[in-house]
Amino acid sequence: MQDEMYYYEPARGHGLRHDPFSAIVGPRPIGWISSKDDEGRLNLAPYSFFNAFNYVPPIIGFSSIGRKDSLANIEETGEFAWNLATRPLAEAMNQSCVAVAPDVDEFVLSGLTPTSSRLISAPRVLESPVSFECRVCQIVQLQRADNVLVQSWLVLGEVIGVHIEQSLLKDGIYDTVAAGPILRGGGSADYFQLGPETLFKMRRPKIG
């Protein structure tokens, strides 16, 4: 017999010590976004609402809860870079999420090195083993089911350039575990790291 289910309606509150929504939809990859405004000021910030949405062309997206510097920069320039957050870079990534004024450079704050991209003006994180150069496809302000707008913006970008550390390519296959990506959990400070013990294989079934 199935255990009794805990039920709540988000509009009326969850009634728990911590909102379970982001813990249930997770762990989630981190959108570590670097951008530059029209005046050349750099910004680097992690976003936990992030993922990939299309193969051809490759499209990734992240959601800005509120009008943050990354969103403003991307609206101005139409481009951004995504950088893989790994376990060795976790502390630096965490430093880059501090709420500071637009003229504060999070690269400096985090002790990281901006490096030039090939096709966009926004820099990449030199220390990150994987980066995507992106041009904006859409910026969509989210809305509720009753069409009332909320203060969140979904930024979708086409990946036009990919940088991968050579050591992560094994016989032409990208080694996800070797990269050591970290993932955001649902608690106020919860993160996870992928490891070989978490890997299992399951082939797509064929009919007939």
N, C-alpha and C. Protein backbone atom coordinates (compact mmCIF):
# COMPACT_ATOMS: atom_id res chain seq x y z
N MET A 1 0.85 -1.20 0.00
CA MET A 1 0.00 0.00 0.00
C MET A 1 0.89 1.25 0.00
N GLN A 2 0.57 2.17 -0.86
CA GLN A 2 1.38 3.38 -0.98
C GLN A 2 1.23 4.25 0.27
N ASP A 3 2.39 4.79 0.73
CA ASP A 3 2.34 5.69 1.87
C ASP A 3 1.48 6.90 1.53
N GLU A 4 0.91 7.51 2.56
CA GLU A 4 0.10 8.70 2.36
C GLU A 4 0.96 9.81 1.76
N MET A 5 0.44 10.49 0.75
CA MET A 5 1.19 11.52 0.04
C MET A 5 1.04 12.86 0.75
N TYR A 6 2.13 13.60 0.80
CA TYR A 6 2.06 14.99 1.27
C TYR A 6 1.62 15.84 0.09
N TYR A 7 0.60 16.64 0.27
CA TYR A 7 0.07 17.44 -0.83
C TYR A 7 0.03 18.90 -0.42
N TYR A 8 0.41 19.77 -1.37
CA TYR A 8 0.23 21.21 -1.14
C TYR A 8 0.01 21.90 -2.48
N GLU A 9 -0.55 23.09 -2.42
CA GLU A 9 -0.74 23.93 -3.59
C GLU A 9 0.20 25.12 -3.45
N PRO A 10 1.18 25.26 -4.37
CA PRO A 10 2.20 26.30 -4.22
C PRO A 10 1.65 27.69 -3.96
N ALA A 11 0.53 28.03 -4.56
CA ALA A 11 -0.03 29.37 -4.37
C ALA A 11 -0.45 29.61 -2.92
N ARG A 12 -0.67 28.52 -2.18
CA ARG A 12 -1.09 28.65 -0.78
C ARG A 12 0.05 28.35 0.19
N GLY A 13 1.25 28.09 -0.34
CA GLY A 13 2.40 27.81 0.51
C GLY A 13 2.61 26.31 0.68
N HIS A 14 3.86 25.93 0.93
CA HIS A 14 4.19 24.50 1.03
C HIS A 14 4.09 23.96 2.46
N GLY A 15 4.13 24.83 3.45
CA GLY A 15 3.98 24.39 4.83
C GLY A 15 5.14 23.63 5.40
N LEU A 16 6.28 23.66 4.73
CA LEU A 16 7.47 22.94 5.19
C LEU A 16 8.55 23.92 5.60
N ARG A 17 9.62 23.40 6.19
CA ARG A 17 10.70 24.28 6.64
C ARG A 17 11.46 24.88 5.47
N HIS A 18 11.50 24.14 4.34
CA HIS A 18 12.19 24.63 3.14
C HIS A 18 11.39 24.21 1.93
N ASP A 19 11.23 25.11 0.97
CA ASP A 19 10.48 24.83 -0.26
C ASP A 19 11.09 23.62 -0.97
N PRO A 20 10.32 22.53 -1.17
CA PRO A 20 10.89 21.32 -1.78
C PRO A 20 11.01 21.36 -3.29
N PHE A 21 10.45 22.38 -3.94
CA PHE A 21 10.38 22.39 -5.41
C PHE A 21 11.75 22.21 -6.05
N SER A 22 12.72 23.05 -5.66
CA SER A 22 14.02 22.99 -6.33
C SER A 22 14.80 21.74 -5.94
N ALA A 23 14.44 21.12 -4.81
CA ALA A 23 15.10 19.86 -4.42
C ALA A 23 14.54 18.70 -5.23
N ILE A 24 13.27 18.76 -5.55
CA ILE A 24 12.64 17.69 -6.34
C ILE A 24 13.14 17.73 -7.78
N VAL A 25 13.21 18.93 -8.35
CA VAL A 25 13.73 19.08 -9.72
C VAL A 25 15.24 19.25 -9.61
N GLY A 26 15.92 18.15 -9.36
CA GLY A 26 17.36 18.27 -9.16
C GLY A 26 17.98 16.93 -8.85
N PRO A 27 19.29 16.92 -8.69
CA PRO A 27 20.14 18.12 -8.74
C PRO A 27 20.24 18.68 -10.16
N ARG A 28 20.49 19.99 -10.23
CA ARG A 28 20.44 20.69 -11.50
C ARG A 28 21.83 21.17 -11.90
N PRO A 29 22.13 21.14 -13.21
CA PRO A 29 23.40 21.71 -13.67
C PRO A 29 23.42 23.21 -13.40
N ILE A 30 24.61 23.76 -13.32
CA ILE A 30 24.76 25.17 -12.97
C ILE A 30 25.05 26.00 -14.22
N GLY A 31 24.27 27.04 -14.41
CA GLY A 31 24.52 27.97 -15.50
C GLY A 31 25.49 29.05 -15.03
N TRP A 32 26.78 28.81 -15.24
CA TRP A 32 27.80 29.78 -14.81
C TRP A 32 28.04 30.72 -15.98
N ILE A 33 27.43 31.88 -15.94
CA ILE A 33 27.31 32.76 -17.10
C ILE A 33 28.28 33.94 -17.00
N SER A 34 29.09 34.10 -18.03
CA SER A 34 29.96 35.28 -18.12
C SER A 34 29.44 36.19 -19.22
N SER A 35 29.48 37.49 -18.95
CA SER A 35 28.96 38.46 -19.90
C SER A 35 29.74 39.77 -19.77
N LYS A 36 29.45 40.68 -20.70
CA LYS A 36 30.11 41.99 -20.70
C LYS A 36 29.11 43.03 -21.17
N ASP A 37 29.09 44.19 -20.53
CA ASP A 37 28.15 45.21 -20.97
C ASP A 37 28.76 46.08 -22.06
N ASP A 38 28.01 47.05 -22.55
CA ASP A 38 28.48 47.89 -23.65
C ASP A 38 29.68 48.75 -23.28
N GLU A 39 29.88 48.95 -21.98
CA GLU A 39 31.02 49.74 -21.52
C GLU A 39 32.25 48.89 -21.22
N GLY A 40 32.12 47.57 -21.45
CA GLY A 40 33.26 46.68 -21.25
C GLY A 40 33.38 46.11 -19.86
N ARG A 41 32.41 46.37 -18.98
CA ARG A 41 32.46 45.83 -17.62
C ARG A 41 32.05 44.36 -17.64
N LEU A 42 32.80 43.53 -16.92
CA LEU A 42 32.58 42.09 -16.93
C LEU A 42 31.66 41.67 -15.80
N ASN A 43 30.95 40.57 -16.05
CA ASN A 43 30.10 39.98 -15.02
C ASN A 43 30.20 38.47 -15.10
N LEU A 44 30.19 37.83 -13.94
CA LEU A 44 30.22 36.38 -13.87
C LEU A 44 29.29 35.95 -12.74
N ALA A 45 28.31 35.08 -13.06
CA ALA A 45 27.32 34.71 -12.05
C ALA A 45 26.77 33.31 -12.33
N PRO A 46 26.54 32.53 -11.26
CA PRO A 46 25.93 31.20 -11.43
C PRO A 46 24.41 31.25 -11.32
N TYR A 47 23.75 30.43 -12.14
CA TYR A 47 22.29 30.33 -12.13
C TYR A 47 21.91 28.86 -11.99
N SER A 48 21.06 28.55 -11.02
CA SER A 48 20.71 27.15 -10.79
C SER A 48 19.54 26.69 -11.65
N PHE A 49 18.78 27.62 -12.23
CA PHE A 49 17.76 27.23 -13.20
C PHE A 49 18.39 27.31 -14.58
N PHE A 50 18.97 26.19 -15.01
CA PHE A 50 19.74 26.14 -16.25
C PHE A 50 19.63 24.75 -16.86
N ASN A 51 19.65 24.69 -18.19
CA ASN A 51 19.74 23.39 -18.86
C ASN A 51 19.92 23.56 -20.36
N ALA A 52 20.02 22.41 -21.06
CA ALA A 52 20.09 22.37 -22.52
C ALA A 52 18.70 22.05 -23.05
N PHE A 53 18.35 22.65 -24.21
CA PHE A 53 16.99 22.52 -24.70
C PHE A 53 16.87 22.05 -26.15
N ASN A 54 17.98 21.99 -26.88
CA ASN A 54 17.88 21.57 -28.28
C ASN A 54 19.23 21.06 -28.75
N TYR A 55 19.18 20.10 -29.72
CA TYR A 55 20.40 19.54 -30.31
C TYR A 55 20.92 20.37 -31.48
N VAL A 56 20.06 20.54 -32.50
CA VAL A 56 20.51 21.19 -33.74
C VAL A 56 19.55 22.34 -34.06
N PRO A 57 19.99 23.59 -33.90
CA PRO A 57 21.28 23.96 -33.33
C PRO A 57 21.27 23.75 -31.82
N PRO A 58 22.43 23.60 -31.19
CA PRO A 58 22.45 23.45 -29.74
C PRO A 58 21.99 24.75 -29.07
N ILE A 59 21.01 24.63 -28.18
CA ILE A 59 20.46 25.78 -27.47
C ILE A 59 20.46 25.50 -25.98
N ILE A 60 20.99 26.43 -25.20
CA ILE A 60 20.95 26.33 -23.74
C ILE A 60 20.17 27.52 -23.20
N GLY A 61 19.77 27.42 -21.95
CA GLY A 61 19.01 28.52 -21.37
C GLY A 61 19.13 28.57 -19.87
N PHE A 62 18.94 29.76 -19.33
CA PHE A 62 18.90 29.93 -17.88
C PHE A 62 17.85 30.97 -17.55
N SER A 63 17.38 30.90 -16.31
CA SER A 63 16.35 31.84 -15.87
C SER A 63 16.92 32.78 -14.83
N SER A 64 16.74 34.07 -15.06
CA SER A 64 17.15 35.10 -14.12
C SER A 64 15.96 35.48 -13.27
N ILE A 65 16.05 35.15 -11.97
CA ILE A 65 14.97 35.52 -11.05
C ILE A 65 15.22 36.96 -10.63
N GLY A 66 14.51 37.88 -11.24
CA GLY A 66 14.78 39.30 -11.06
C GLY A 66 15.72 39.80 -12.15
N ARG A 67 15.76 41.12 -12.31
CA ARG A 67 16.58 41.72 -13.36
C ARG A 67 18.01 41.90 -12.85
N LYS A 68 18.83 40.88 -13.07
CA LYS A 68 20.20 40.88 -12.59
C LYS A 68 21.15 41.40 -13.67
N ASP A 69 22.42 41.61 -13.28
CA ASP A 69 23.40 42.19 -14.19
C ASP A 69 23.60 41.35 -15.44
N SER A 70 23.60 40.02 -15.30
CA SER A 70 23.78 39.15 -16.47
C SER A 70 22.70 39.43 -17.51
N LEU A 71 21.46 39.52 -17.05
CA LEU A 71 20.34 39.77 -17.96
C LEU A 71 20.51 41.11 -18.66
N ALA A 72 20.87 42.14 -17.89
CA ALA A 72 21.04 43.47 -18.48
C ALA A 72 22.15 43.47 -19.52
N ASN A 73 23.27 42.82 -19.22
CA ASN A 73 24.39 42.75 -20.16
C ASN A 73 23.99 42.02 -21.44
N ILE A 74 23.28 40.91 -21.27
CA ILE A 74 22.91 40.10 -22.43
C ILE A 74 21.89 40.83 -23.29
N GLU A 75 20.99 41.58 -22.67
CA GLU A 75 20.05 42.39 -23.45
C GLU A 75 20.79 43.44 -24.27
N GLU A 76 21.86 44.01 -23.71
CA GLU A 76 22.64 45.03 -24.41
C GLU A 76 23.44 44.45 -25.58
N THR A 77 24.08 43.31 -25.34
CA THR A 77 25.06 42.79 -26.31
C THR A 77 24.57 41.62 -27.14
N GLY A 78 23.56 40.90 -26.65
CA GLY A 78 23.03 39.76 -27.39
C GLY A 78 23.91 38.53 -27.34
N GLU A 79 24.80 38.44 -26.35
CA GLU A 79 25.70 37.29 -26.27
C GLU A 79 26.13 37.02 -24.83
N PHE A 80 26.60 35.79 -24.61
CA PHE A 80 27.12 35.39 -23.30
C PHE A 80 27.90 34.10 -23.46
N ALA A 81 28.63 33.73 -22.43
CA ALA A 81 29.33 32.45 -22.41
C ALA A 81 28.86 31.65 -21.20
N TRP A 82 28.80 30.34 -21.39
CA TRP A 82 28.54 29.44 -20.27
C TRP A 82 29.83 28.70 -19.96
N ASN A 83 30.11 28.53 -18.66
CA ASN A 83 31.34 27.89 -18.21
C ASN A 83 31.01 26.76 -17.24
N LEU A 84 31.61 25.61 -17.45
CA LEU A 84 31.34 24.45 -16.60
C LEU A 84 31.89 24.68 -15.20
N ALA A 85 31.03 24.55 -14.19
CA ALA A 85 31.45 24.66 -12.80
C ALA A 85 31.83 23.27 -12.31
N THR A 86 33.06 23.10 -11.86
CA THR A 86 33.58 21.81 -11.42
C THR A 86 33.92 21.86 -9.94
N ARG A 87 34.22 20.68 -9.37
CA ARG A 87 34.52 20.64 -7.93
C ARG A 87 35.72 21.53 -7.57
N PRO A 88 36.82 21.51 -8.35
CA PRO A 88 37.94 22.39 -8.00
C PRO A 88 37.59 23.88 -8.07
N LEU A 89 36.55 24.22 -8.84
CA LEU A 89 36.17 25.62 -9.00
C LEU A 89 34.96 26.00 -8.15
N ALA A 90 34.53 25.08 -7.28
CA ALA A 90 33.29 25.31 -6.53
C ALA A 90 33.35 26.55 -5.65
N GLU A 91 34.45 26.74 -4.93
CA GLU A 91 34.54 27.90 -4.03
C GLU A 91 34.56 29.21 -4.83
N ALA A 92 35.29 29.20 -5.93
CA ALA A 92 35.32 30.40 -6.78
C ALA A 92 33.95 30.68 -7.37
N MET A 93 33.26 29.62 -7.80
CA MET A 93 31.91 29.79 -8.33
C MET A 93 31.00 30.39 -7.27
N ASN A 94 31.13 29.90 -6.04
CA ASN A 94 30.30 30.40 -4.95
C ASN A 94 30.58 31.88 -4.67
N GLN A 95 31.84 32.29 -4.77
CA GLN A 95 32.20 33.69 -4.58
C GLN A 95 31.55 34.58 -5.64
N SER A 96 31.39 34.03 -6.85
CA SER A 96 30.85 34.84 -7.94
C SER A 96 29.36 35.09 -7.82
N CYS A 97 28.70 34.45 -6.84
CA CYS A 97 27.26 34.68 -6.69
C CYS A 97 26.94 35.76 -5.67
N VAL A 98 27.97 36.39 -5.11
CA VAL A 98 27.74 37.47 -4.15
C VAL A 98 27.05 38.64 -4.84
N ALA A 99 26.04 39.21 -4.18
CA ALA A 99 25.32 40.35 -4.74
C ALA A 99 26.16 41.61 -4.59
N VAL A 100 26.68 42.11 -5.71
CA VAL A 100 27.52 43.31 -5.70
C VAL A 100 27.03 44.28 -6.78
N ALA A 101 27.56 45.48 -6.76
CA ALA A 101 27.19 46.50 -7.74
C ALA A 101 27.68 46.12 -9.13
N PRO A 102 27.05 46.64 -10.19
CA PRO A 102 27.42 46.30 -11.56
C PRO A 102 28.88 46.59 -11.91
N ASP A 103 29.51 47.55 -11.21
CA ASP A 103 30.89 47.90 -11.54
C ASP A 103 31.91 47.02 -10.82
N VAL A 104 31.44 46.05 -10.03
CA VAL A 104 32.34 45.12 -9.35
C VAL A 104 32.56 43.91 -10.27
N ASP A 105 33.81 43.59 -10.54
CA ASP A 105 34.17 42.49 -11.43
C ASP A 105 34.24 41.19 -10.64
N GLU A 106 33.30 40.27 -10.91
CA GLU A 106 33.28 39.00 -10.19
C GLU A 106 34.46 38.11 -10.53
N PHE A 107 35.09 38.33 -11.68
CA PHE A 107 36.32 37.59 -11.98
C PHE A 107 37.39 37.92 -10.94
N VAL A 108 37.55 39.20 -10.65
CA VAL A 108 38.52 39.63 -9.65
C VAL A 108 38.09 39.13 -8.27
N LEU A 109 36.82 39.27 -7.96
CA LEU A 109 36.29 38.87 -6.67
C LEU A 109 36.52 37.38 -6.41
N SER A 110 36.45 36.58 -7.47
CA SER A 110 36.57 35.12 -7.34
C SER A 110 37.98 34.61 -7.59
N GLY A 111 38.90 35.49 -7.98
CA GLY A 111 40.25 35.06 -8.28
C GLY A 111 40.36 34.25 -9.56
N LEU A 112 39.48 34.53 -10.51
CA LEU A 112 39.45 33.81 -11.78
C LEU A 112 39.97 34.69 -12.91
N THR A 113 40.25 34.04 -14.04
CA THR A 113 40.88 34.73 -15.16
C THR A 113 39.94 34.81 -16.35
N PRO A 114 39.56 36.00 -16.80
CA PRO A 114 38.78 36.10 -18.04
C PRO A 114 39.70 35.87 -19.23
N THR A 115 39.22 35.11 -20.18
CA THR A 115 40.01 34.87 -21.40
C THR A 115 39.12 35.08 -22.61
N SER A 116 39.72 35.48 -23.70
CA SER A 116 38.95 35.87 -24.89
C SER A 116 38.23 34.68 -25.51
N SER A 117 37.01 34.94 -25.96
CA SER A 117 36.28 33.99 -26.78
C SER A 117 36.68 34.20 -28.23
N ARG A 118 36.26 33.32 -29.11
CA ARG A 118 36.61 33.44 -30.54
C ARG A 118 35.57 34.19 -31.34
N LEU A 119 34.29 33.99 -31.00
CA LEU A 119 33.22 34.53 -31.84
C LEU A 119 32.38 35.60 -31.14
N ILE A 120 32.53 35.75 -29.84
CA ILE A 120 31.76 36.75 -29.11
C ILE A 120 32.72 37.62 -28.30
N SER A 121 32.21 38.76 -27.84
CA SER A 121 33.06 39.66 -27.07
C SER A 121 33.09 39.31 -25.58
N ALA A 122 32.07 38.59 -25.10
CA ALA A 122 32.05 38.18 -23.70
C ALA A 122 33.18 37.18 -23.44
N PRO A 123 33.87 37.31 -22.31
CA PRO A 123 34.98 36.40 -22.02
C PRO A 123 34.49 35.06 -21.48
N ARG A 124 35.39 34.08 -21.52
CA ARG A 124 35.18 32.80 -20.88
C ARG A 124 35.99 32.77 -19.58
N VAL A 125 35.73 31.75 -18.75
CA VAL A 125 36.54 31.52 -17.55
C VAL A 125 37.70 30.62 -17.94
N LEU A 126 38.91 31.14 -17.89
CA LEU A 126 40.09 30.38 -18.32
C LEU A 126 40.22 29.07 -17.56
N GLU A 127 39.91 29.07 -16.28
CA GLU A 127 40.10 27.89 -15.44
C GLU A 127 39.06 26.80 -15.68
N SER A 128 37.97 27.12 -16.34
CA SER A 128 36.92 26.13 -16.58
C SER A 128 37.32 25.21 -17.74
N PRO A 129 37.11 23.89 -17.60
CA PRO A 129 37.52 22.96 -18.66
C PRO A 129 36.59 22.93 -19.86
N VAL A 130 35.41 23.51 -19.74
CA VAL A 130 34.46 23.54 -20.87
C VAL A 130 33.74 24.89 -20.87
N SER A 131 33.64 25.48 -22.05
CA SER A 131 32.88 26.73 -22.18
C SER A 131 32.11 26.71 -23.49
N PHE A 132 30.95 27.35 -23.48
CA PHE A 132 30.14 27.56 -24.68
C PHE A 132 30.08 29.06 -24.98
N GLU A 133 30.30 29.42 -26.21
CA GLU A 133 30.05 30.78 -26.66
C GLU A 133 28.64 30.82 -27.24
N CYS A 134 27.84 31.78 -26.79
CA CYS A 134 26.42 31.79 -27.15
C CYS A 134 25.96 33.14 -27.67
N ARG A 135 25.06 33.08 -28.65
CA ARG A 135 24.32 34.26 -29.10
C ARG A 135 22.85 34.07 -28.73
N VAL A 136 22.23 35.15 -28.33
CA VAL A 136 20.86 35.07 -27.83
C VAL A 136 19.88 34.69 -28.93
N CYS A 137 18.99 33.75 -28.59
CA CYS A 137 17.87 33.39 -29.47
C CYS A 137 16.61 34.12 -29.03
N GLN A 138 16.32 34.03 -27.74
CA GLN A 138 15.11 34.63 -27.19
C GLN A 138 15.35 35.02 -25.73
N ILE A 139 14.67 36.07 -25.33
CA ILE A 139 14.56 36.42 -23.92
C ILE A 139 13.08 36.54 -23.62
N VAL A 140 12.60 35.68 -22.75
CA VAL A 140 11.16 35.58 -22.52
C VAL A 140 10.85 35.86 -21.06
N GLN A 141 10.01 36.87 -20.81
CA GLN A 141 9.56 37.08 -19.44
C GLN A 141 8.51 36.03 -19.12
N LEU A 142 8.69 35.32 -18.02
CA LEU A 142 7.79 34.24 -17.66
C LEU A 142 6.47 34.80 -17.12
N GLN A 143 5.44 33.97 -17.24
CA GLN A 143 4.14 34.38 -16.74
C GLN A 143 3.43 33.21 -16.08
N ARG A 144 2.48 33.53 -15.24
CA ARG A 144 1.70 32.51 -14.55
C ARG A 144 0.67 31.92 -15.51
N ALA A 145 -0.04 30.91 -15.02
CA ALA A 145 -1.07 30.27 -15.84
C ALA A 145 -2.20 31.23 -16.18
N ASP A 146 -2.38 32.27 -15.37
CA ASP A 146 -3.44 33.25 -15.65
C ASP A 146 -2.90 34.43 -16.46
N ASN A 147 -1.70 34.27 -17.06
CA ASN A 147 -1.07 35.24 -17.95
C ASN A 147 -0.49 36.47 -17.23
N VAL A 148 -0.47 36.47 -15.92
CA VAL A 148 0.15 37.56 -15.18
C VAL A 148 1.67 37.38 -15.22
N LEU A 149 2.39 38.42 -15.61
CA LEU A 149 3.84 38.33 -15.72
C LEU A 149 4.49 38.24 -14.34
N VAL A 150 5.57 37.46 -14.26
CA VAL A 150 6.36 37.36 -13.04
C VAL A 150 7.74 37.96 -13.31
N GLN A 151 8.45 38.28 -12.27
CA GLN A 151 9.75 38.95 -12.41
C GLN A 151 10.88 37.94 -12.60
N SER A 152 10.74 37.13 -13.65
CA SER A 152 11.75 36.15 -14.04
C SER A 152 11.84 36.13 -15.56
N TRP A 153 13.08 35.99 -16.07
CA TRP A 153 13.30 36.02 -17.51
C TRP A 153 14.10 34.81 -17.94
N LEU A 154 13.57 34.07 -18.92
CA LEU A 154 14.26 32.93 -19.50
C LEU A 154 15.11 33.42 -20.66
N VAL A 155 16.42 33.18 -20.56
CA VAL A 155 17.36 33.57 -21.61
C VAL A 155 17.78 32.32 -22.36
N LEU A 156 17.50 32.27 -23.65
CA LEU A 156 17.89 31.14 -24.50
C LEU A 156 18.97 31.59 -25.46
N GLY A 157 20.04 30.80 -25.54
CA GLY A 157 21.15 31.15 -26.42
C GLY A 157 21.59 29.99 -27.28
N GLU A 158 21.89 30.29 -28.54
CA GLU A 158 22.44 29.27 -29.44
C GLU A 158 23.93 29.15 -29.21
N VAL A 159 24.39 27.93 -29.03
CA VAL A 159 25.82 27.68 -28.82
C VAL A 159 26.51 27.73 -30.18
N ILE A 160 27.38 28.73 -30.36
CA ILE A 160 28.05 28.88 -31.66
C ILE A 160 29.54 28.53 -31.59
N GLY A 161 30.04 28.29 -30.39
CA GLY A 161 31.44 27.89 -30.22
C GLY A 161 31.60 27.08 -28.96
N VAL A 162 32.36 25.99 -29.03
CA VAL A 162 32.54 25.09 -27.89
C VAL A 162 34.03 24.90 -27.61
N HIS A 163 34.42 25.06 -26.35
CA HIS A 163 35.80 24.85 -25.91
C HIS A 163 35.82 23.69 -24.93
N ILE A 164 36.61 22.64 -25.21
CA ILE A 164 36.70 21.47 -24.34
C ILE A 164 38.16 21.15 -24.07
N GLU A 165 38.50 20.98 -22.81
CA GLU A 165 39.85 20.55 -22.46
C GLU A 165 40.13 19.18 -23.08
N GLN A 166 41.25 19.07 -23.77
CA GLN A 166 41.56 17.85 -24.53
C GLN A 166 41.52 16.58 -23.67
N SER A 167 41.93 16.68 -22.41
CA SER A 167 41.99 15.50 -21.55
C SER A 167 40.62 14.89 -21.28
N LEU A 168 39.56 15.65 -21.53
CA LEU A 168 38.20 15.16 -21.28
C LEU A 168 37.62 14.40 -22.47
N LEU A 169 38.36 14.34 -23.57
CA LEU A 169 37.91 13.61 -24.74
C LEU A 169 38.63 12.26 -24.80
N LYS A 170 37.88 11.19 -24.55
CA LYS A 170 38.43 9.83 -24.55
C LYS A 170 37.90 9.08 -25.76
N ASP A 171 38.79 8.83 -26.72
CA ASP A 171 38.40 8.16 -27.98
C ASP A 171 37.24 8.88 -28.64
N GLY A 172 37.29 10.21 -28.60
CA GLY A 172 36.27 11.00 -29.27
C GLY A 172 34.98 11.14 -28.49
N ILE A 173 34.96 10.65 -27.24
CA ILE A 173 33.75 10.74 -26.42
C ILE A 173 34.05 11.62 -25.20
N TYR A 174 33.19 12.60 -24.95
CA TYR A 174 33.37 13.48 -23.80
C TYR A 174 33.12 12.71 -22.52
N ASP A 175 34.05 12.78 -21.58
CA ASP A 175 33.97 12.05 -20.31
C ASP A 175 33.34 12.96 -19.25
N THR A 176 32.05 12.81 -19.06
CA THR A 176 31.31 13.67 -18.14
C THR A 176 31.83 13.57 -16.72
N VAL A 177 32.07 12.35 -16.25
CA VAL A 177 32.50 12.16 -14.87
C VAL A 177 33.88 12.75 -14.63
N ALA A 178 34.80 12.57 -15.60
CA ALA A 178 36.16 13.08 -15.45
C ALA A 178 36.18 14.60 -15.32
N ALA A 179 35.19 15.27 -15.89
CA ALA A 179 35.14 16.72 -15.80
C ALA A 179 34.82 17.19 -14.39
N GLY A 180 34.19 16.34 -13.59
CA GLY A 180 33.87 16.68 -12.21
C GLY A 180 32.84 17.78 -12.05
N PRO A 181 31.75 17.77 -12.84
CA PRO A 181 30.77 18.85 -12.70
C PRO A 181 30.07 18.81 -11.36
N ILE A 182 29.74 19.97 -10.85
CA ILE A 182 28.94 20.04 -9.63
C ILE A 182 27.52 20.45 -9.99
N LEU A 183 26.59 19.99 -9.19
CA LEU A 183 25.17 20.18 -9.46
C LEU A 183 24.51 20.80 -8.24
N ARG A 184 23.52 21.62 -8.46
CA ARG A 184 22.84 22.31 -7.36
C ARG A 184 21.73 21.45 -6.79
N GLY A 185 21.72 21.32 -5.47
CA GLY A 185 20.66 20.61 -4.78
C GLY A 185 19.56 21.57 -4.35
N GLY A 186 18.65 21.08 -3.53
CA GLY A 186 17.51 21.90 -3.15
C GLY A 186 17.67 22.65 -1.85
N GLY A 187 18.60 22.22 -0.98
CA GLY A 187 18.79 22.92 0.27
C GLY A 187 19.48 24.24 0.07
N SER A 188 19.57 25.02 1.12
CA SER A 188 20.16 26.35 1.00
C SER A 188 21.64 26.31 0.66
N ALA A 189 22.30 25.18 0.93
CA ALA A 189 23.74 25.08 0.65
C ALA A 189 24.13 23.75 0.03
N ASP A 190 23.17 23.04 -0.58
CA ASP A 190 23.42 21.68 -1.07
C ASP A 190 23.93 21.65 -2.50
N TYR A 191 25.05 20.94 -2.70
CA TYR A 191 25.60 20.68 -4.02
C TYR A 191 25.96 19.21 -4.11
N PHE A 192 26.06 18.71 -5.33
CA PHE A 192 26.45 17.33 -5.56
C PHE A 192 27.55 17.30 -6.62
N GLN A 193 28.37 16.26 -6.57
CA GLN A 193 29.40 16.05 -7.58
C GLN A 193 29.19 14.69 -8.22
N LEU A 194 29.26 14.63 -9.54
CA LEU A 194 29.15 13.35 -10.23
C LEU A 194 30.40 12.51 -9.97
N GLY A 195 30.21 11.21 -9.81
CA GLY A 195 31.33 10.30 -9.63
C GLY A 195 31.08 9.01 -10.38
N PRO A 196 32.11 8.17 -10.57
CA PRO A 196 31.95 6.92 -11.34
C PRO A 196 30.91 5.99 -10.73
N GLU A 197 30.71 6.07 -9.42
CA GLU A 197 29.75 5.18 -8.77
C GLU A 197 28.32 5.56 -9.10
N THR A 198 28.11 6.74 -9.65
CA THR A 198 26.75 7.17 -9.99
C THR A 198 26.38 6.83 -11.44
N LEU A 199 27.33 6.33 -12.20
CA LEU A 199 27.10 6.05 -13.63
C LEU A 199 26.46 4.69 -13.84
N PHE A 200 25.40 4.66 -14.62
CA PHE A 200 24.87 3.39 -15.11
C PHE A 200 24.39 3.59 -16.53
N LYS A 201 24.37 2.52 -17.33
CA LYS A 201 24.02 2.60 -18.74
C LYS A 201 22.67 1.94 -18.99
N MET A 202 21.91 2.54 -19.89
CA MET A 202 20.61 2.00 -20.25
C MET A 202 20.34 2.39 -21.70
N ARG A 203 20.31 1.40 -22.60
CA ARG A 203 20.12 1.67 -24.02
C ARG A 203 18.65 1.93 -24.31
N ARG A 204 18.41 2.79 -25.29
CA ARG A 204 17.04 3.06 -25.71
C ARG A 204 16.45 1.80 -26.35
N PRO A 205 15.26 1.38 -25.96
CA PRO A 205 14.68 0.15 -26.52
C PRO A 205 14.28 0.31 -27.96
N LYS A 206 14.32 -0.81 -28.69
CA LYS A 206 13.90 -0.84 -30.08
C LYS A 206 12.68 -1.75 -30.23
N ILE A 207 11.77 -1.34 -31.08
CA ILE A 207 10.57 -2.15 -31.31
C ILE A 207 10.79 -3.03 -32.55
N GLY A 208 10.49 -4.33 -32.41
CA GLY A 208 10.60 -5.24 -33.54
C GLY A 208 11.98 -5.83 -33.72
